[in-house]
């Protein structure tokens, strides 16, 4: 059975339409929307609303880890719009979700990324889209476990969870053959982004499950330009399936 796996789609509806070509099923590990693009500052919701110059400034502050200044700058930007910020954000996110779920192939097994808004997904799912978070499903005779979202960070993205809440979802999976998460296990080489020059947060609970259960594969995304895209932890092949917005092609898993 041939399964195509994508993560960090970030608005690439054009490539998503083709992501299932030749596959028996598609797996999507989240981060569908594009709020801000660290590679192309003129793309994304923030740039659409406030222009590239303001996006340049916001990204520069966050890259320098001047988070309080970045939040204050962001507050000023949102205050410059008519009315409250949320209606502007919701309209922009809904436009992206409508396009992305229309492009999403079927059958598809999906979980959330840290920049996704889970409450909105139900409005756009089509027949053949299966959302799993802290749940398992059988695909091709193997047990796949899915855990969505990320852990708390200074970036305060929409679907960040406390460590214990996230760990409970991981523990609920039990024995799995393939572990599918948005964020990596907490292994430094898998967490370091060589372009952003920073460590992203990974999960100790995911790493512990891998060590105890030894699934065949642990698949994840989140880190766009990882120091190591794959490594073994015991018998488990840990694979960053790639930054789909940048690559435009899925990772191919044959089971």
C-alpha atoms as a PDB file:
ATOM      1  CA  UNK A   1       0.000   0.000   0.000  1.00  0.00           C
ATOM      2  CA  UNK A   2       1.335   3.420  -0.990  1.00  0.00           C
ATOM      3  CA  UNK A   3       0.636   6.313   1.382  1.00  0.00           C
ATOM      4  CA  UNK A   4       1.598   9.921   0.725  1.00  0.00           C
ATOM      5  CA  UNK A   5       2.343  12.077   3.777  1.00  0.00           C
ATOM      6  CA  UNK A   6       2.438  15.887   3.959  1.00  0.00           C
ATOM      7  CA  UNK A   7       2.936  18.417   6.734  1.00  0.00           C
ATOM      8  CA  UNK A   8       3.206  22.201   6.977  1.00  0.00           C
ATOM      9  CA  UNK A   9       1.071  22.853   3.916  1.00  0.00           C
ATOM     10  CA  UNK A  10       0.797  26.570   4.766  1.00  0.00           C
ATOM     11  CA  UNK A  11      -1.509  27.568   1.943  1.00  0.00           C
ATOM     12  CA  UNK A  12      -0.145  25.384  -0.904  1.00  0.00           C
ATOM     13  CA  UNK A  13      -3.570  24.403  -2.256  1.00  0.00           C
ATOM     14  CA  UNK A  14      -2.150  24.110  -5.778  1.00  0.00           C
ATOM     15  CA  UNK A  15       0.298  21.353  -4.793  1.00  0.00           C
ATOM     16  CA  UNK A  16      -2.154  19.759  -2.347  1.00  0.00           C
ATOM     17  CA  UNK A  17      -4.490  18.915  -5.240  1.00  0.00           C
ATOM     18  CA  UNK A  18      -1.790  16.646  -6.667  1.00  0.00           C
ATOM     19  CA  UNK A  19      -0.467  15.270  -3.369  1.00  0.00           C
ATOM     20  CA  UNK A  20      -2.572  12.123  -3.523  1.00  0.00           C
ATOM     21  CA  UNK A  21      -1.786  11.224  -7.134  1.00  0.00           C
ATOM     22  CA  UNK A  22      -0.777   7.560  -7.314  1.00  0.00           C
ATOM     23  CA  UNK A  23      -1.444   6.935  -3.609  1.00  0.00           C
ATOM     24  CA  UNK A  24      -3.965   4.723  -1.848  1.00  0.00           C
ATOM     25  CA  UNK A  25      -4.365   7.331   0.898  1.00  0.00           C
ATOM     26  CA  UNK A  26      -3.040  10.712   2.031  1.00  0.00           C
ATOM     27  CA  UNK A  27      -1.915  11.614   5.544  1.00  0.00           C
ATOM     28  CA  UNK A  28      -1.738  15.305   6.496  1.00  0.00           C
ATOM     29  CA  UNK A  29       0.079  16.266   9.699  1.00  0.00           C
ATOM     30  CA  UNK A  30      -1.309  19.785   9.930  1.00  0.00           C
ATOM     31  CA  UNK A  31      -0.405  23.456   9.672  1.00  0.00           C
ATOM     32  CA  UNK A  32      -2.699  24.119   6.740  1.00  0.00           C
ATOM     33  CA  UNK A  33      -2.993  27.890   6.975  1.00  0.00           C
ATOM     34  CA  UNK A  34      -0.367  30.528   6.222  1.00  0.00           C
ATOM     35  CA  UNK A  35      -0.416  33.376   8.718  1.00  0.00           C
ATOM     36  CA  UNK A  36       3.066  34.676   8.015  1.00  0.00           C
ATOM     37  CA  UNK A  37       5.841  33.433   5.727  1.00  0.00           C
ATOM     38  CA  UNK A  38       9.383  33.696   7.096  1.00  0.00           C
ATOM     39  CA  UNK A  39      10.811  32.971   3.622  1.00  0.00           C
ATOM     40  CA  UNK A  40       8.567  35.276   1.565  1.00  0.00           C
ATOM     41  CA  UNK A  41       7.405  38.126   3.786  1.00  0.00           C
ATOM     42  CA  UNK A  42       4.843  39.286   1.243  1.00  0.00           C
ATOM     43  CA  UNK A  43       2.756  36.128   1.650  1.00  0.00           C
ATOM     44  CA  UNK A  44       0.253  35.218   4.348  1.00  0.00           C
ATOM     45  CA  UNK A  45      -2.580  36.759   6.326  1.00  0.00           C
ATOM     46  CA  UNK A  46      -0.424  39.320   8.162  1.00  0.00           C
ATOM     47  CA  UNK A  47       1.087  40.673   4.933  1.00  0.00           C
ATOM     48  CA  UNK A  48      -2.295  40.703   3.183  1.00  0.00           C
ATOM     49  CA  UNK A  49      -3.748  42.889   5.930  1.00  0.00           C
ATOM     50  CA  UNK A  50      -0.787  45.135   6.779  1.00  0.00           C
ATOM     51  CA  UNK A  51       1.636  44.998   3.833  1.00  0.00           C
ATOM     52  CA  UNK A  52       5.100  43.524   3.411  1.00  0.00           C
ATOM     53  CA  UNK A  53       6.955  46.340   5.186  1.00  0.00           C
ATOM     54  CA  UNK A  54       5.063  45.684   8.406  1.00  0.00           C
ATOM     55  CA  UNK A  55       5.483  41.943   7.926  1.00  0.00           C
ATOM     56  CA  UNK A  56       9.251  42.538   7.570  1.00  0.00           C
ATOM     57  CA  UNK A  57       9.268  44.381  10.906  1.00  0.00           C
ATOM     58  CA  UNK A  58       7.172  41.776  12.714  1.00  0.00           C
ATOM     59  CA  UNK A  59       9.309  38.881  11.461  1.00  0.00           C
ATOM     60  CA  UNK A  60      12.529  40.695  12.363  1.00  0.00           C
ATOM     61  CA  UNK A  61      11.349  41.181  15.958  1.00  0.00           C
ATOM     62  CA  UNK A  62      10.292  37.564  16.355  1.00  0.00           C
ATOM     63  CA  UNK A  63      13.457  36.230  14.733  1.00  0.00           C
ATOM     64  CA  UNK A  64      15.472  38.314  17.198  1.00  0.00           C
ATOM     65  CA  UNK A  65      13.347  36.796  20.008  1.00  0.00           C
ATOM     66  CA  UNK A  66      12.119  40.241  21.027  1.00  0.00           C
ATOM     67  CA  UNK A  67       8.720  38.757  21.722  1.00  0.00           C
ATOM     68  CA  UNK A  68       7.238  41.530  23.879  1.00  0.00           C
ATOM     69  CA  UNK A  69       8.125  44.126  21.236  1.00  0.00           C
ATOM     70  CA  UNK A  70       6.667  41.880  18.551  1.00  0.00           C
ATOM     71  CA  UNK A  71       3.424  41.482  20.490  1.00  0.00           C
ATOM     72  CA  UNK A  72       3.155  45.227  21.065  1.00  0.00           C
ATOM     73  CA  UNK A  73       3.808  45.897  17.372  1.00  0.00           C
ATOM     74  CA  UNK A  74       1.185  43.303  16.450  1.00  0.00           C
ATOM     75  CA  UNK A  75      -1.352  44.905  18.825  1.00  0.00           C
ATOM     76  CA  UNK A  76      -0.829  48.275  17.138  1.00  0.00           C
ATOM     77  CA  UNK A  77      -1.353  46.719  13.737  1.00  0.00           C
ATOM     78  CA  UNK A  78      -4.587  45.004  14.718  1.00  0.00           C
ATOM     79  CA  UNK A  79      -5.832  48.160  16.439  1.00  0.00           C
ATOM     80  CA  UNK A  80      -5.428  50.029  13.158  1.00  0.00           C
ATOM     81  CA  UNK A  81      -8.205  47.956  11.550  1.00  0.00           C
ATOM     82  CA  UNK A  82     -11.900  48.697  11.726  1.00  0.00           C
ATOM     83  CA  UNK A  83     -13.490  46.868  14.657  1.00  0.00           C
ATOM     84  CA  UNK A  84     -12.055  43.933  16.601  1.00  0.00           C
ATOM     85  CA  UNK A  85      -9.173  41.843  15.261  1.00  0.00           C
ATOM     86  CA  UNK A  86     -10.863  38.434  15.370  1.00  0.00           C
ATOM     87  CA  UNK A  87     -13.414  38.998  12.528  1.00  0.00           C
ATOM     88  CA  UNK A  88     -10.569  39.975  10.183  1.00  0.00           C
ATOM     89  CA  UNK A  89      -8.545  36.905  11.173  1.00  0.00           C
ATOM     90  CA  UNK A  90     -11.546  34.581  10.936  1.00  0.00           C
ATOM     91  CA  UNK A  91     -12.474  35.740   7.429  1.00  0.00           C
ATOM     92  CA  UNK A  92      -8.894  35.268   6.203  1.00  0.00           C
ATOM     93  CA  UNK A  93      -8.512  31.836   7.814  1.00  0.00           C
ATOM     94  CA  UNK A  94     -11.858  30.654   6.490  1.00  0.00           C
ATOM     95  CA  UNK A  95     -10.914  31.684   2.954  1.00  0.00           C
ATOM     96  CA  UNK A  96      -7.758  29.583   3.207  1.00  0.00           C
ATOM     97  CA  UNK A  97      -9.513  26.590   4.764  1.00  0.00           C
ATOM     98  CA  UNK A  98     -12.235  26.619   2.102  1.00  0.00           C
ATOM     99  CA  UNK A  99      -9.615  26.467  -0.651  1.00  0.00           C
ATOM    100  CA  UNK A 100      -7.410  23.918   1.101  1.00  0.00           C
ATOM    101  CA  UNK A 101     -10.105  21.420   2.039  1.00  0.00           C
ATOM    102  CA  UNK A 102     -11.556  21.671  -1.455  1.00  0.00           C
ATOM    103  CA  UNK A 103      -8.100  20.698  -2.759  1.00  0.00           C
ATOM    104  CA  UNK A 104      -7.533  17.943  -0.163  1.00  0.00           C
ATOM    105  CA  UNK A 105      -7.586  14.487  -1.835  1.00  0.00           C
ATOM    106  CA  UNK A 106      -9.565  11.553  -0.480  1.00  0.00           C
ATOM    107  CA  UNK A 107      -9.217   9.343   1.391  1.00  0.00           C
ATOM    108  CA  UNK A 108      -7.210  11.516   3.768  1.00  0.00           C
ATOM    109  CA  UNK A 109      -6.294  11.070   7.432  1.00  0.00           C
ATOM    110  CA  UNK A 110      -5.588  14.390   9.113  1.00  0.00           C
ATOM    111  CA  UNK A 111      -4.419  15.840  12.389  1.00  0.00           C
ATOM    112  CA  UNK A 112      -3.928  19.446  13.481  1.00  0.00           C
ATOM    113  CA  UNK A 113      -0.771  21.532  13.462  1.00  0.00           C
ATOM    114  CA  UNK A 114       0.067  24.165  16.050  1.00  0.00           C
ATOM    115  CA  UNK A 115      -1.083  27.013  13.771  1.00  0.00           C
ATOM    116  CA  UNK A 116      -4.416  25.376  12.926  1.00  0.00           C
ATOM    117  CA  UNK A 117      -7.778  26.253  14.472  1.00  0.00           C
ATOM    118  CA  UNK A 118      -9.480  22.891  15.144  1.00  0.00           C
ATOM    119  CA  UNK A 119     -12.955  24.331  15.760  1.00  0.00           C
ATOM    120  CA  UNK A 120     -13.129  25.549  12.149  1.00  0.00           C
ATOM    121  CA  UNK A 121     -12.221  22.277  10.440  1.00  0.00           C
ATOM    122  CA  UNK A 122     -15.666  20.703  10.782  1.00  0.00           C
ATOM    123  CA  UNK A 123     -17.142  23.350   8.486  1.00  0.00           C
ATOM    124  CA  UNK A 124     -14.936  22.303   5.555  1.00  0.00           C
ATOM    125  CA  UNK A 125     -14.414  18.541   5.834  1.00  0.00           C
ATOM    126  CA  UNK A 126     -15.640  16.439   2.934  1.00  0.00           C
ATOM    127  CA  UNK A 127     -16.584  12.781   2.718  1.00  0.00           C
ATOM    128  CA  UNK A 128     -13.398  10.748   2.968  1.00  0.00           C
ATOM    129  CA  UNK A 129     -11.627  13.197   5.292  1.00  0.00           C
ATOM    130  CA  UNK A 130     -10.894  11.568   8.662  1.00  0.00           C
ATOM    131  CA  UNK A 131      -9.617  13.793  11.505  1.00  0.00           C
ATOM    132  CA  UNK A 132      -7.779  12.056  14.356  1.00  0.00           C
ATOM    133  CA  UNK A 133      -6.184  13.564  17.467  1.00  0.00           C
ATOM    134  CA  UNK A 134      -5.168  11.218  20.268  1.00  0.00           C
ATOM    135  CA  UNK A 135      -6.788   8.427  18.238  1.00  0.00           C
ATOM    136  CA  UNK A 136      -5.832   5.425  16.108  1.00  0.00           C
ATOM    137  CA  UNK A 137      -7.011   3.965  12.812  1.00  0.00           C
ATOM    138  CA  UNK A 138      -6.121   0.900  10.758  1.00  0.00           C
ATOM    139  CA  UNK A 139      -4.659   1.623   7.316  1.00  0.00           C
ATOM    140  CA  UNK A 140      -3.362  -1.202   5.155  1.00  0.00           C
ATOM    141  CA  UNK A 141      -3.455  -3.626   8.062  1.00  0.00           C
ATOM    142  CA  UNK A 142      -1.293  -1.408  10.300  1.00  0.00           C
ATOM    143  CA  UNK A 143      -2.313   0.600  13.353  1.00  0.00           C
ATOM    144  CA  UNK A 144      -1.640   4.332  12.875  1.00  0.00           C
ATOM    145  CA  UNK A 145      -1.751   6.691  15.852  1.00  0.00           C
ATOM    146  CA  UNK A 146      -2.286  10.446  15.473  1.00  0.00           C
ATOM    147  CA  UNK A 147      -1.551  13.338  17.843  1.00  0.00           C
ATOM    148  CA  UNK A 148      -2.078  16.918  16.697  1.00  0.00           C
ATOM    149  CA  UNK A 149      -1.041  20.344  17.922  1.00  0.00           C
ATOM    150  CA  UNK A 150       2.112  21.606  19.587  1.00  0.00           C
ATOM    151  CA  UNK A 151       3.457  22.542  23.006  1.00  0.00           C
ATOM    152  CA  UNK A 152       3.467  25.979  24.659  1.00  0.00           C
ATOM    153  CA  UNK A 153       5.984  28.454  23.221  1.00  0.00           C
ATOM    154  CA  UNK A 154       6.700  32.174  23.156  1.00  0.00           C
ATOM    155  CA  UNK A 155       5.074  32.284  19.718  1.00  0.00           C
ATOM    156  CA  UNK A 156       1.613  31.565  21.191  1.00  0.00           C
ATOM    157  CA  UNK A 157       0.241  29.872  18.095  1.00  0.00           C
ATOM    158  CA  UNK A 158      -3.439  28.805  18.129  1.00  0.00           C
ATOM    159  CA  UNK A 159      -3.218  25.093  18.983  1.00  0.00           C
ATOM    160  CA  UNK A 160      -0.531  24.889  21.674  1.00  0.00           C
ATOM    161  CA  UNK A 161      -1.162  22.594  24.633  1.00  0.00           C
ATOM    162  CA  UNK A 162       0.177  22.131  28.143  1.00  0.00           C
ATOM    163  CA  UNK A 163       2.712  19.310  28.367  1.00  0.00           C
ATOM    164  CA  UNK A 164       0.450  17.084  30.472  1.00  0.00           C
ATOM    165  CA  UNK A 165      -2.528  17.511  28.138  1.00  0.00           C
ATOM    166  CA  UNK A 166      -0.386  16.635  25.117  1.00  0.00           C
ATOM    167  CA  UNK A 167       1.189  13.668  26.935  1.00  0.00           C
ATOM    168  CA  UNK A 168      -2.256  12.285  27.769  1.00  0.00           C
ATOM    169  CA  UNK A 169      -3.147  12.214  24.064  1.00  0.00           C
ATOM    170  CA  UNK A 170       0.084  10.372  23.290  1.00  0.00           C
ATOM    171  CA  UNK A 171      -0.505   7.840  26.084  1.00  0.00           C
ATOM    172  CA  UNK A 172      -4.054   7.186  24.831  1.00  0.00           C
ATOM    173  CA  UNK A 173      -2.682   5.688  21.610  1.00  0.00           C
ATOM    174  CA  UNK A 174      -1.231   2.532  23.136  1.00  0.00           C
ATOM    175  CA  UNK A 175       0.571   0.159  20.762  1.00  0.00           C
ATOM    176  CA  UNK A 176       0.944   1.546  17.230  1.00  0.00           C
ATOM    177  CA  UNK A 177       2.825   0.526  14.103  1.00  0.00           C
ATOM    178  CA  UNK A 178       3.097   4.063  12.732  1.00  0.00           C
ATOM    179  CA  UNK A 179       3.098   7.165  14.940  1.00  0.00           C
ATOM    180  CA  UNK A 180       1.921  10.381  13.229  1.00  0.00           C
ATOM    181  CA  UNK A 181       2.407  13.711  15.023  1.00  0.00           C
ATOM    182  CA  UNK A 182       2.826  17.323  13.993  1.00  0.00           C
ATOM    183  CA  UNK A 183       5.800  18.004  16.254  1.00  0.00           C
ATOM    184  CA  UNK A 184       8.911  15.781  16.469  1.00  0.00           C
ATOM    185  CA  UNK A 185      10.100  13.698  19.397  1.00  0.00           C
ATOM    186  CA  UNK A 186      12.436  15.626  21.700  1.00  0.00           C
ATOM    187  CA  UNK A 187      15.715  14.768  19.941  1.00  0.00           C
ATOM    188  CA  UNK A 188      17.948  17.842  19.421  1.00  0.00           C
ATOM    189  CA  UNK A 189      19.027  17.040  15.846  1.00  0.00           C
ATOM    190  CA  UNK A 190      15.379  16.662  14.832  1.00  0.00           C
ATOM    191  CA  UNK A 191      14.404  19.964  16.488  1.00  0.00           C
ATOM    192  CA  UNK A 192      17.041  22.379  15.207  1.00  0.00           C
ATOM    193  CA  UNK A 193      16.026  24.541  12.236  1.00  0.00           C
ATOM    194  CA  UNK A 194      19.158  25.390  10.272  1.00  0.00           C
ATOM    195  CA  UNK A 195      17.654  28.459   8.557  1.00  0.00           C
ATOM    196  CA  UNK A 196      15.764  29.949  11.503  1.00  0.00           C
ATOM    197  CA  UNK A 197      18.776  29.018  13.685  1.00  0.00           C
ATOM    198  CA  UNK A 198      16.705  27.922  16.626  1.00  0.00           C
ATOM    199  CA  UNK A 199      15.428  24.822  18.370  1.00  0.00           C
ATOM    200  CA  UNK A 200      11.700  24.153  18.033  1.00  0.00           C
ATOM    201  CA  UNK A 201       9.866  22.364  20.839  1.00  0.00           C
ATOM    202  CA  UNK A 202       9.578  18.618  20.589  1.00  0.00           C
ATOM    203  CA  UNK A 203       7.743  16.152  22.776  1.00  0.00           C
ATOM    204  CA  UNK A 204       9.317  14.053  25.509  1.00  0.00           C
ATOM    205  CA  UNK A 205       6.080  12.044  25.640  1.00  0.00           C
ATOM    206  CA  UNK A 206       6.423  11.153  21.948  1.00  0.00           C
ATOM    207  CA  UNK A 207      10.055  10.150  22.475  1.00  0.00           C
ATOM    208  CA  UNK A 208       9.078   8.005  25.462  1.00  0.00           C
ATOM    209  CA  UNK A 209       6.368   6.230  23.441  1.00  0.00           C
ATOM    210  CA  UNK A 210       8.836   5.549  20.633  1.00  0.00           C
ATOM    211  CA  UNK A 211      11.321   4.034  23.086  1.00  0.00           C
ATOM    212  CA  UNK A 212       8.682   1.866  24.782  1.00  0.00           C
ATOM    213  CA  UNK A 213       6.581   0.764  21.808  1.00  0.00           C
ATOM    214  CA  UNK A 214       9.144   0.870  18.977  1.00  0.00           C
ATOM    215  CA  UNK A 215       6.718   1.528  16.096  1.00  0.00           C
ATOM    216  CA  UNK A 216       8.019   0.948  12.581  1.00  0.00           C
ATOM    217  CA  UNK A 217       7.844   4.660  11.794  1.00  0.00           C
ATOM    218  CA  UNK A 218       7.405   7.969  13.589  1.00  0.00           C
ATOM    219  CA  UNK A 219       6.311  10.627  11.086  1.00  0.00           C
ATOM    220  CA  UNK A 220       6.170  14.361  11.821  1.00  0.00           C
ATOM    221  CA  UNK A 221       6.806  17.847  10.422  1.00  0.00           C
ATOM    222  CA  UNK A 222       6.906  21.270  12.136  1.00  0.00           C
ATOM    223  CA  UNK A 223      10.648  21.927  11.700  1.00  0.00           C
ATOM    224  CA  UNK A 224      10.928  23.333   8.191  1.00  0.00           C
ATOM    225  CA  UNK A 225      14.698  23.000   7.619  1.00  0.00           C
ATOM    226  CA  UNK A 226      15.836  20.343  10.115  1.00  0.00           C
ATOM    227  CA  UNK A 227      19.448  19.575  10.932  1.00  0.00           C
ATOM    228  CA  UNK A 228      18.488  15.901  10.578  1.00  0.00           C
ATOM    229  CA  UNK A 229      15.477  14.885   8.491  1.00  0.00           C
ATOM    230  CA  UNK A 230      15.540  11.281   9.712  1.00  0.00           C
ATOM    231  CA  UNK A 231      17.211   9.043  12.274  1.00  0.00           C
ATOM    232  CA  UNK A 232      16.622   5.796  14.104  1.00  0.00           C
ATOM    233  CA  UNK A 233      15.592   5.581  17.725  1.00  0.00           C
ATOM    234  CA  UNK A 234      15.968   1.919  18.489  1.00  0.00           C
ATOM    235  CA  UNK A 235      14.072   0.113  15.715  1.00  0.00           C
ATOM    236  CA  UNK A 236      11.905   3.134  14.881  1.00  0.00           C
ATOM    237  CA  UNK A 237      12.620   5.181  11.768  1.00  0.00           C
ATOM    238  CA  UNK A 238      11.897   8.807  12.716  1.00  0.00           C
ATOM    239  CA  UNK A 239      11.147  10.887   9.603  1.00  0.00           C
ATOM    240  CA  UNK A 240      10.474  14.582   9.089  1.00  0.00           C
ATOM    241  CA  UNK A 241       8.187  14.322   6.058  1.00  0.00           C
ATOM    242  CA  UNK A 242       9.217  17.770   4.808  1.00  0.00           C
ATOM    243  CA  UNK A 243       8.031  21.354   4.526  1.00  0.00           C
ATOM    244  CA  UNK A 244       5.246  20.859   1.981  1.00  0.00           C
ATOM    245  CA  UNK A 245       4.877  24.579   1.250  1.00  0.00           C
ATOM    246  CA  UNK A 246       8.499  24.650   0.164  1.00  0.00           C
ATOM    247  CA  UNK A 247       8.777  21.222  -1.473  1.00  0.00           C
ATOM    248  CA  UNK A 248       5.354  20.820  -3.030  1.00  0.00           C
ATOM    249  CA  UNK A 249       5.742  17.019  -3.036  1.00  0.00           C
ATOM    250  CA  UNK A 250       4.702  14.428  -0.439  1.00  0.00           C
ATOM    251  CA  UNK A 251       6.799  11.912   1.454  1.00  0.00           C
ATOM    252  CA  UNK A 252       6.060   8.405   0.137  1.00  0.00           C
ATOM    253  CA  UNK A 253       5.485   5.596   2.635  1.00  0.00           C
ATOM    254  CA  UNK A 254       5.036   2.025   1.400  1.00  0.00           C
ATOM    255  CA  UNK A 255       3.528  -0.432   3.865  1.00  0.00           C
END
